[in-house]
Every structure is written in structure tokens, then in C-alpha cells.
PDB file of all heavy atoms in Angstrom:
ATOM      1  N   LEU A   1      67.433 133.754  88.772  1.00  0.00           N
ATOM      2  CA  LEU A   1      68.120 132.531  88.896  1.00  0.00           C
ATOM      3  C   LEU A   1      67.848 131.632  87.673  1.00  0.00           C
ATOM      4  O   LEU A   1      66.810 131.727  87.049  1.00  0.00           O
ATOM      5  CB  LEU A   1      67.698 131.791  90.200  1.00  0.00           C
ATOM      6  CG  LEU A   1      67.739 132.539  91.469  1.00  0.00           C
ATOM      7  CD1 LEU A   1      67.334 131.692  92.648  1.00  0.00           C
ATOM      8  CD2 LEU A   1      69.129 133.171  91.719  1.00  0.00           C
ATOM      9  N   SER A   2      68.786 130.766  87.411  1.00  0.00           N
ATOM     10  CA  SER A   2      68.613 129.786  86.299  1.00  0.00           C
ATOM     11  C   SER A   2      68.833 128.361  86.881  1.00  0.00           C
ATOM     12  O   SER A   2      69.636 128.176  87.820  1.00  0.00           O
ATOM     13  CB  SER A   2      69.666 130.056  85.241  1.00  0.00           C
ATOM     14  OG  SER A   2      69.538 131.320  84.743  1.00  0.00           O
ATOM     15  N   CYS A   3      68.177 127.450  86.221  1.00  0.00           N
ATOM     16  CA  CYS A   3      68.360 125.976  86.478  1.00  0.00           C
ATOM     17  C   CYS A   3      68.397 125.277  85.149  1.00  0.00           C
ATOM     18  O   CYS A   3      67.393 125.213  84.510  1.00  0.00           O
ATOM     19  CB  CYS A   3      67.225 125.513  87.400  1.00  0.00           C
ATOM     20  SG  CYS A   3      67.345 123.734  87.738  1.00  0.00           S
ATOM     21  N   ALA A   4      69.557 124.859  84.818  1.00  0.00           N
ATOM     22  CA  ALA A   4      69.811 124.174  83.544  1.00  0.00           C
ATOM     23  C   ALA A   4      69.791 122.657  83.794  1.00  0.00           C
ATOM     24  O   ALA A   4      70.473 122.138  84.713  1.00  0.00           O
ATOM     25  CB  ALA A   4      71.108 124.572  82.882  1.00  0.00           C
ATOM     26  N   ALA A   5      69.057 121.919  82.968  1.00  0.00           N
ATOM     27  CA  ALA A   5      68.905 120.499  83.132  1.00  0.00           C
ATOM     28  C   ALA A   5      69.574 119.769  81.995  1.00  0.00           C
ATOM     29  O   ALA A   5      69.591 120.205  80.902  1.00  0.00           O
ATOM     30  CB  ALA A   5      67.422 120.101  83.167  1.00  0.00           C
ATOM     31  N   SER A   6      70.126 118.646  82.358  1.00  0.00           N
ATOM     32  CA  SER A   6      70.615 117.642  81.347  1.00  0.00           C
ATOM     33  C   SER A   6      70.136 116.324  81.714  1.00  0.00           C
ATOM     34  O   SER A   6      69.879 116.002  82.882  1.00  0.00           O
ATOM     35  CB  SER A   6      72.185 117.751  81.215  1.00  0.00           C
ATOM     36  OG  SER A   6      72.694 117.411  82.511  1.00  0.00           O
ATOM     37  N   GLY A   7      69.999 115.417  80.756  1.00  0.00           N
ATOM     38  CA  GLY A   7      69.526 114.080  80.948  1.00  0.00           C
ATOM     39  C   GLY A   7      68.006 113.867  80.957  1.00  0.00           C
ATOM     40  O   GLY A   7      67.527 112.777  81.002  1.00  0.00           O
ATOM     41  N   THR A   8      67.293 114.978  80.933  1.00  0.00           N
ATOM     42  CA  THR A   8      65.851 114.928  80.826  1.00  0.00           C
ATOM     43  C   THR A   8      65.303 116.270  80.384  1.00  0.00           C
ATOM     44  O   THR A   8      66.066 117.230  80.261  1.00  0.00           O
ATOM     45  CB  THR A   8      65.214 114.453  82.110  1.00  0.00           C
ATOM     46  OG1 THR A   8      63.804 114.225  81.952  1.00  0.00           O
ATOM     47  CG2 THR A   8      65.318 115.605  83.181  1.00  0.00           C
ATOM     48  N   ARG A   9      63.973 116.387  80.158  1.00  0.00           N
ATOM     49  CA  ARG A   9      63.387 117.587  79.776  1.00  0.00           C
ATOM     50  C   ARG A   9      62.466 118.142  80.870  1.00  0.00           C
ATOM     51  O   ARG A   9      61.724 117.388  81.472  1.00  0.00           O
ATOM     52  CB  ARG A   9      62.548 117.407  78.488  1.00  0.00           C
ATOM     53  CG  ARG A   9      63.288 116.831  77.320  1.00  0.00           C
ATOM     54  CD  ARG A   9      64.263 117.830  76.719  1.00  0.00           C
ATOM     55  NE  ARG A   9      63.677 119.105  76.301  1.00  0.00           N
ATOM     56  CZ  ARG A   9      64.311 120.087  75.758  1.00  0.00           C
ATOM     57  NH1 ARG A   9      65.644 120.043  75.690  1.00  0.00           N
ATOM     58  NH2 ARG A   9      63.694 121.186  75.401  1.00  0.00           N
ATOM     59  N   PHE A  10      62.504 119.449  81.177  1.00  0.00           N
ATOM     60  CA  PHE A  10      61.683 120.017  82.164  1.00  0.00           C
ATOM     61  C   PHE A  10      60.199 119.771  81.867  1.00  0.00           C
ATOM     62  O   PHE A  10      59.329 119.571  82.758  1.00  0.00           O
ATOM     63  CB  PHE A  10      61.858 121.548  82.286  1.00  0.00           C
ATOM     64  CG  PHE A  10      63.050 121.901  83.068  1.00  0.00           C
ATOM     65  CD1 PHE A  10      64.151 122.529  82.465  1.00  0.00           C
ATOM     66  CD2 PHE A  10      63.166 121.674  84.382  1.00  0.00           C
ATOM     67  CE1 PHE A  10      65.238 122.880  83.205  1.00  0.00           C
ATOM     68  CE2 PHE A  10      64.299 122.002  85.117  1.00  0.00           C
ATOM     69  CZ  PHE A  10      65.322 122.612  84.540  1.00  0.00           C
ATOM     70  N   SER A  11      59.828 119.771  80.597  1.00  0.00           N
ATOM     71  CA  SER A  11      58.455 119.676  80.206  1.00  0.00           C
ATOM     72  C   SER A  11      57.864 118.364  80.564  1.00  0.00           C
ATOM     73  O   SER A  11      56.623 118.198  80.520  1.00  0.00           O
ATOM     74  CB  SER A  11      58.219 119.952  78.719  1.00  0.00           C
ATOM     75  OG  SER A  11      59.056 119.053  77.969  1.00  0.00           O
ATOM     76  N   MET A  12      58.654 117.361  80.897  1.00  0.00           N
ATOM     77  CA  MET A  12      58.170 116.031  81.203  1.00  0.00           C
ATOM     78  C   MET A  12      57.862 115.825  82.699  1.00  0.00           C
ATOM     79  O   MET A  12      57.241 114.796  83.026  1.00  0.00           O
ATOM     80  CB  MET A  12      59.199 114.994  80.753  1.00  0.00           C
ATOM     81  CG  MET A  12      59.507 115.044  79.257  1.00  0.00           C
ATOM     82  SD  MET A  12      60.865 113.914  78.849  1.00  0.00           S
ATOM     83  CE  MET A  12      60.270 112.353  79.290  1.00  0.00           C
ATOM     84  N   HIS A  13      58.262 116.752  83.527  1.00  0.00           N
ATOM     85  CA  HIS A  13      58.204 116.488  84.970  1.00  0.00           C
ATOM     86  C   HIS A  13      57.718 117.688  85.747  1.00  0.00           C
ATOM     87  O   HIS A  13      57.482 118.781  85.195  1.00  0.00           O
ATOM     88  CB  HIS A  13      59.628 116.123  85.475  1.00  0.00           C
ATOM     89  CG  HIS A  13      60.244 115.057  84.659  1.00  0.00           C
ATOM     90  ND1 HIS A  13      59.821 113.740  84.651  1.00  0.00           N
ATOM     91  CD2 HIS A  13      61.316 115.047  83.827  1.00  0.00           C
ATOM     92  CE1 HIS A  13      60.522 113.023  83.858  1.00  0.00           C
ATOM     93  NE2 HIS A  13      61.427 113.783  83.299  1.00  0.00           N
ATOM     94  N   VAL A  14      57.627 117.477  87.084  1.00  0.00           N
ATOM     95  CA  VAL A  14      57.349 118.579  87.957  1.00  0.00           C
ATOM     96  C   VAL A  14      58.684 119.118  88.482  1.00  0.00           C
ATOM     97  O   VAL A  14      59.527 118.388  88.917  1.00  0.00           O
ATOM     98  CB  VAL A  14      56.553 118.091  89.182  1.00  0.00           C
ATOM     99  CG1 VAL A  14      56.324 119.268  90.181  1.00  0.00           C
ATOM    100  CG2 VAL A  14      55.211 117.567  88.718  1.00  0.00           C
ATOM    101  N   MET A  15      58.846 120.432  88.405  1.00  0.00           N
ATOM    102  CA  MET A  15      60.063 121.070  88.815  1.00  0.00           C
ATOM    103  C   MET A  15      59.746 122.104  89.844  1.00  0.00           C
ATOM    104  O   MET A  15      58.757 122.814  89.667  1.00  0.00           O
ATOM    105  CB  MET A  15      60.823 121.616  87.628  1.00  0.00           C
ATOM    106  CG  MET A  15      62.130 122.299  87.982  1.00  0.00           C
ATOM    107  SD  MET A  15      61.884 124.083  88.263  1.00  0.00           S
ATOM    108  CE  MET A  15      63.576 124.564  88.687  1.00  0.00           C
ATOM    109  N   GLY A  16      60.461 122.152  90.922  1.00  0.00           N
ATOM    110  CA  GLY A  16      60.219 123.136  91.928  1.00  0.00           C
ATOM    111  C   GLY A  16      61.398 123.965  92.337  1.00  0.00           C
ATOM    112  O   GLY A  16      62.540 123.476  92.196  1.00  0.00           O
ATOM    113  N   TRP A  17      61.166 125.179  92.793  1.00  0.00           N
ATOM    114  CA  TRP A  17      62.173 126.013  93.405  1.00  0.00           C
ATOM    115  C   TRP A  17      62.021 125.905  94.872  1.00  0.00           C
ATOM    116  O   TRP A  17      60.868 126.135  95.390  1.00  0.00           O
ATOM    117  CB  TRP A  17      62.107 127.431  92.920  1.00  0.00           C
ATOM    118  CG  TRP A  17      62.664 127.652  91.561  1.00  0.00           C
ATOM    119  CD1 TRP A  17      61.988 127.678  90.412  1.00  0.00           C
ATOM    120  CD2 TRP A  17      64.018 127.774  91.220  1.00  0.00           C
ATOM    121  NE1 TRP A  17      62.900 127.899  89.293  1.00  0.00           N
ATOM    122  CE2 TRP A  17      64.175 127.916  89.835  1.00  0.00           C
ATOM    123  CE3 TRP A  17      65.218 127.815  91.996  1.00  0.00           C
ATOM    124  CZ2 TRP A  17      65.400 128.133  89.173  1.00  0.00           C
ATOM    125  CZ3 TRP A  17      66.431 128.022  91.353  1.00  0.00           C
ATOM    126  CH2 TRP A  17      66.545 128.156  89.964  1.00  0.00           C
ATOM    127  N   HIS A  18      63.111 125.776  95.572  1.00  0.00           N
ATOM    128  CA  HIS A  18      63.093 125.616  97.024  1.00  0.00           C
ATOM    129  C   HIS A  18      64.055 126.603  97.656  1.00  0.00           C
ATOM    130  O   HIS A  18      65.045 127.001  96.998  1.00  0.00           O
ATOM    131  CB  HIS A  18      63.489 124.199  97.457  1.00  0.00           C
ATOM    132  CG  HIS A  18      62.692 123.104  96.753  1.00  0.00           C
ATOM    133  ND1 HIS A  18      61.833 122.330  97.516  1.00  0.00           N
ATOM    134  CD2 HIS A  18      62.608 122.724  95.492  1.00  0.00           C
ATOM    135  CE1 HIS A  18      61.242 121.464  96.709  1.00  0.00           C
ATOM    136  NE2 HIS A  18      61.702 121.691  95.431  1.00  0.00           N
ATOM    137  N   ARG A  19      63.796 126.964  98.866  1.00  0.00           N
ATOM    138  CA  ARG A  19      64.694 127.909  99.583  1.00  0.00           C
ATOM    139  C   ARG A  19      64.950 127.337 100.982  1.00  0.00           C
ATOM    140  O   ARG A  19      64.056 126.853 101.637  1.00  0.00           O
ATOM    141  CB  ARG A  19      64.003 129.300  99.627  1.00  0.00           C
ATOM    142  CG  ARG A  19      64.719 130.286 100.453  1.00  0.00           C
ATOM    143  CD  ARG A  19      64.061 131.647 100.357  1.00  0.00           C
ATOM    144  NE  ARG A  19      62.733 131.614 100.865  1.00  0.00           N
ATOM    145  CZ  ARG A  19      61.749 132.454 100.475  1.00  0.00           C
ATOM    146  NH1 ARG A  19      61.972 133.334  99.528  1.00  0.00           N
ATOM    147  NH2 ARG A  19      60.547 132.419 101.038  1.00  0.00           N
ATOM    148  N   GLN A  20      66.223 127.509 101.361  1.00  0.00           N
ATOM    149  CA  GLN A  20      66.527 127.116 102.685  1.00  0.00           C
ATOM    150  C   GLN A  20      67.209 128.324 103.383  1.00  0.00           C
ATOM    151  O   GLN A  20      68.360 128.707 103.058  1.00  0.00           O
ATOM    152  CB  GLN A  20      67.512 125.902 102.745  1.00  0.00           C
ATOM    153  CG  GLN A  20      67.750 125.380 104.161  1.00  0.00           C
ATOM    154  CD  GLN A  20      68.371 123.983 104.170  1.00  0.00           C
ATOM    155  OE1 GLN A  20      68.842 123.494 103.133  1.00  0.00           O
ATOM    156  NE2 GLN A  20      68.289 123.359 105.282  1.00  0.00           N
ATOM    157  N   ALA A  21      66.441 128.858 104.284  1.00  0.00           N
ATOM    158  CA  ALA A  21      66.945 130.050 105.017  1.00  0.00           C
ATOM    159  C   ALA A  21      67.862 129.539 106.151  1.00  0.00           C
ATOM    160  O   ALA A  21      67.727 128.426 106.571  1.00  0.00           O
ATOM    161  CB  ALA A  21      65.786 130.886 105.601  1.00  0.00           C
ATOM    162  N   PRO A  22      68.758 130.418 106.661  1.00  0.00           N
ATOM    163  CA  PRO A  22      69.662 130.005 107.734  1.00  0.00           C
ATOM    164  C   PRO A  22      68.894 129.416 108.923  1.00  0.00           C
ATOM    165  O   PRO A  22      68.002 130.118 109.455  1.00  0.00           O
ATOM    166  CB  PRO A  22      70.400 131.290 108.086  1.00  0.00           C
ATOM    167  CG  PRO A  22      70.348 132.100 106.816  1.00  0.00           C
ATOM    168  CD  PRO A  22      69.018 131.792 106.209  1.00  0.00           C
ATOM    169  N   GLY A  23      69.281 128.241 109.348  1.00  0.00           N
ATOM    170  CA  GLY A  23      68.676 127.660 110.512  1.00  0.00           C
ATOM    171  C   GLY A  23      67.283 127.104 110.321  1.00  0.00           C
ATOM    172  O   GLY A  23      66.612 126.696 111.302  1.00  0.00           O
ATOM    173  N   LYS A  24      66.762 127.037 109.065  1.00  0.00           N
ATOM    174  CA  LYS A  24      65.450 126.590 108.830  1.00  0.00           C
ATOM    175  C   LYS A  24      65.477 125.495 107.817  1.00  0.00           C
ATOM    176  O   LYS A  24      66.483 125.205 107.120  1.00  0.00           O
ATOM    177  CB  LYS A  24      64.609 127.734 108.313  1.00  0.00           C
ATOM    178  CG  LYS A  24      64.384 128.889 109.269  1.00  0.00           C
ATOM    179  CD  LYS A  24      63.375 129.893 108.798  1.00  0.00           C
ATOM    180  CE  LYS A  24      63.132 130.987 109.782  1.00  0.00           C
ATOM    181  NZ  LYS A  24      62.157 131.993 109.319  1.00  0.00           N
ATOM    182  N   GLN A  25      64.359 124.821 107.774  1.00  0.00           N
ATOM    183  CA  GLN A  25      64.241 123.682 106.799  1.00  0.00           C
ATOM    184  C   GLN A  25      64.007 124.214 105.331  1.00  0.00           C
ATOM    185  O   GLN A  25      63.563 125.311 105.175  1.00  0.00           O
ATOM    186  CB  GLN A  25      63.032 122.762 107.149  1.00  0.00           C
ATOM    187  CG  GLN A  25      63.275 122.008 108.386  1.00  0.00           C
ATOM    188  CD  GLN A  25      62.202 120.974 108.637  1.00  0.00           C
ATOM    189  OE1 GLN A  25      61.024 121.192 108.256  1.00  0.00           O
ATOM    190  NE2 GLN A  25      62.478 119.823 109.288  1.00  0.00           N
ATOM    191  N   ARG A  26      64.352 123.389 104.392  1.00  0.00           N
ATOM    192  CA  ARG A  26      64.159 123.768 103.017  1.00  0.00           C
ATOM    193  C   ARG A  26      62.630 123.756 102.741  1.00  0.00           C
ATOM    194  O   ARG A  26      61.912 122.857 103.141  1.00  0.00           O
ATOM    195  CB  ARG A  26      64.857 122.683 102.120  1.00  0.00           C
ATOM    196  CG  ARG A  26      64.911 123.087 100.661  1.00  0.00           C
ATOM    197  CD  ARG A  26      65.679 122.034  99.888  1.00  0.00           C
ATOM    198  NE  ARG A  26      67.029 121.846 100.396  1.00  0.00           N
ATOM    199  CZ  ARG A  26      67.955 121.101  99.815  1.00  0.00           C
ATOM    200  NH1 ARG A  26      67.689 120.455  98.700  1.00  0.00           N
ATOM    201  NH2 ARG A  26      69.209 120.995 100.267  1.00  0.00           N
ATOM    202  N   GLU A  27      62.164 124.782 102.013  1.00  0.00           N
ATOM    203  CA  GLU A  27      60.750 124.835 101.722  1.00  0.00           C
ATOM    204  C   GLU A  27      60.568 125.228 100.206  1.00  0.00           C
ATOM    205  O   GLU A  27      61.390 125.937  99.655  1.00  0.00           O
ATOM    206  CB  GLU A  27      60.090 125.962 102.528  1.00  0.00           C
ATOM    207  CG  GLU A  27      60.654 127.358 102.363  1.00  0.00           C
ATOM    208  CD  GLU A  27      59.907 128.409 103.061  1.00  0.00           C
ATOM    209  OE1 GLU A  27      58.912 128.103 103.773  1.00  0.00           O
ATOM    210  OE2 GLU A  27      60.321 129.612 102.943  1.00  0.00           O
ATOM    211  N   MET A  28      59.553 124.620  99.657  1.00  0.00           N
ATOM    212  CA  MET A  28      59.245 124.862  98.253  1.00  0.00           C
ATOM    213  C   MET A  28      58.326 126.091  98.128  1.00  0.00           C
ATOM    214  O   MET A  28      57.439 126.175  98.909  1.00  0.00           O
ATOM    215  CB  MET A  28      58.589 123.607  97.622  1.00  0.00           C
ATOM    216  CG  MET A  28      58.297 123.704  96.159  1.00  0.00           C
ATOM    217  SD  MET A  28      57.870 122.128  95.423  1.00  0.00           S
ATOM    218  CE  MET A  28      56.323 121.813  96.338  1.00  0.00           C
ATOM    219  N   PHE A  29      58.619 126.942  97.210  1.00  0.00           N
ATOM    220  CA  PHE A  29      57.746 128.112  97.102  1.00  0.00           C
ATOM    221  C   PHE A  29      57.278 128.397  95.673  1.00  0.00           C
ATOM    222  O   PHE A  29      56.437 129.255  95.430  1.00  0.00           O
ATOM    223  CB  PHE A  29      58.547 129.346  97.544  1.00  0.00           C
ATOM    224  CG  PHE A  29      59.796 129.646  96.738  1.00  0.00           C
ATOM    225  CD1 PHE A  29      59.750 130.440  95.624  1.00  0.00           C
ATOM    226  CD2 PHE A  29      61.034 129.158  97.168  1.00  0.00           C
ATOM    227  CE1 PHE A  29      60.931 130.725  94.927  1.00  0.00           C
ATOM    228  CE2 PHE A  29      62.169 129.368  96.430  1.00  0.00           C
ATOM    229  CZ  PHE A  29      62.102 130.208  95.336  1.00  0.00           C
ATOM    230  N   ALA A  30      57.705 127.559  94.709  1.00  0.00           N
ATOM    231  CA  ALA A  30      57.229 127.672  93.316  1.00  0.00           C
ATOM    232  C   ALA A  30      57.407 126.395  92.659  1.00  0.00           C
ATOM    233  O   ALA A  30      58.398 125.683  92.783  1.00  0.00           O
ATOM    234  CB  ALA A  30      57.932 128.833  92.618  1.00  0.00           C
ATOM    235  N   THR A  31      56.448 126.078  91.722  1.00  0.00           N
ATOM    236  CA  THR A  31      56.561 124.872  90.942  1.00  0.00           C
ATOM    237  C   THR A  31      56.081 125.127  89.520  1.00  0.00           C
ATOM    238  O   THR A  31      55.228 126.051  89.300  1.00  0.00           O
ATOM    239  CB  THR A  31      55.667 123.719  91.491  1.00  0.00           C
ATOM    240  OG1 THR A  31      54.315 124.144  91.554  1.00  0.00           O
ATOM    241  CG2 THR A  31      56.140 123.261  92.868  1.00  0.00           C
ATOM    242  N   ILE A  32      56.541 124.343  88.621  1.00  0.00           N
ATOM    243  CA  ILE A  32      56.026 124.321  87.259  1.00  0.00           C
ATOM    244  C   ILE A  32      55.897 122.851  86.853  1.00  0.00           C
ATOM    245  O   ILE A  32      56.795 122.026  86.987  1.00  0.00           O
ATOM    246  CB  ILE A  32      56.961 125.124  86.290  1.00  0.00           C
ATOM    247  CG1 ILE A  32      56.327 125.092  84.867  1.00  0.00           C
ATOM    248  CG2 ILE A  32      58.411 124.644  86.286  1.00  0.00           C
ATOM    249  CD1 ILE A  32      57.005 126.193  83.987  1.00  0.00           C
ATOM    250  N   ARG A  33      54.717 122.567  86.316  1.00  0.00           N
ATOM    251  CA  ARG A  33      54.385 121.187  85.977  1.00  0.00           C
ATOM    252  C   ARG A  33      54.187 121.075  84.448  1.00  0.00           C
ATOM    253  O   ARG A  33      53.473 121.859  83.855  1.00  0.00           O
ATOM    254  CB  ARG A  33      53.048 120.777  86.636  1.00  0.00           C
ATOM    255  CG  ARG A  33      53.167 120.851  88.165  1.00  0.00           C
ATOM    256  CD  ARG A  33      51.782 120.591  88.847  1.00  0.00           C
ATOM    257  NE  ARG A  33      51.856 120.721  90.291  1.00  0.00           N
ATOM    258  CZ  ARG A  33      52.149 119.769  91.089  1.00  0.00           C
ATOM    259  NH1 ARG A  33      52.175 118.542  90.625  1.00  0.00           N
ATOM    260  NH2 ARG A  33      52.223 119.950  92.411  1.00  0.00           N
ATOM    261  N   GLY A  34      54.830 120.037  83.881  1.00  0.00           N
ATOM    262  CA  GLY A  34      54.682 119.841  82.474  1.00  0.00           C
ATOM    263  C   GLY A  34      55.170 121.031  81.684  1.00  0.00           C
ATOM    264  O   GLY A  34      54.751 121.209  80.455  1.00  0.00           O
TER     265      GLY A  34
END
């Protein structure tokens, strides 16, 4: 998967990948900081 950003830089923030399975709440499973 890819996540392209505009308007800011990934290196400046916390970015997370989240997954929402059918019938379930969205959950975060991976992050990258700075």
C-alpha cells in the first residue's frame, strides 16, 4: 500500500496505518514517527 502526502512532510509528524474490518472499529496497527 502507498500513502502519498501533500501539504506537509511525513518526517515532521506521526503517521499511522489503520485498518477497519467489516463490522469492527478502526484500529491502528503500525506507526512511523518523525
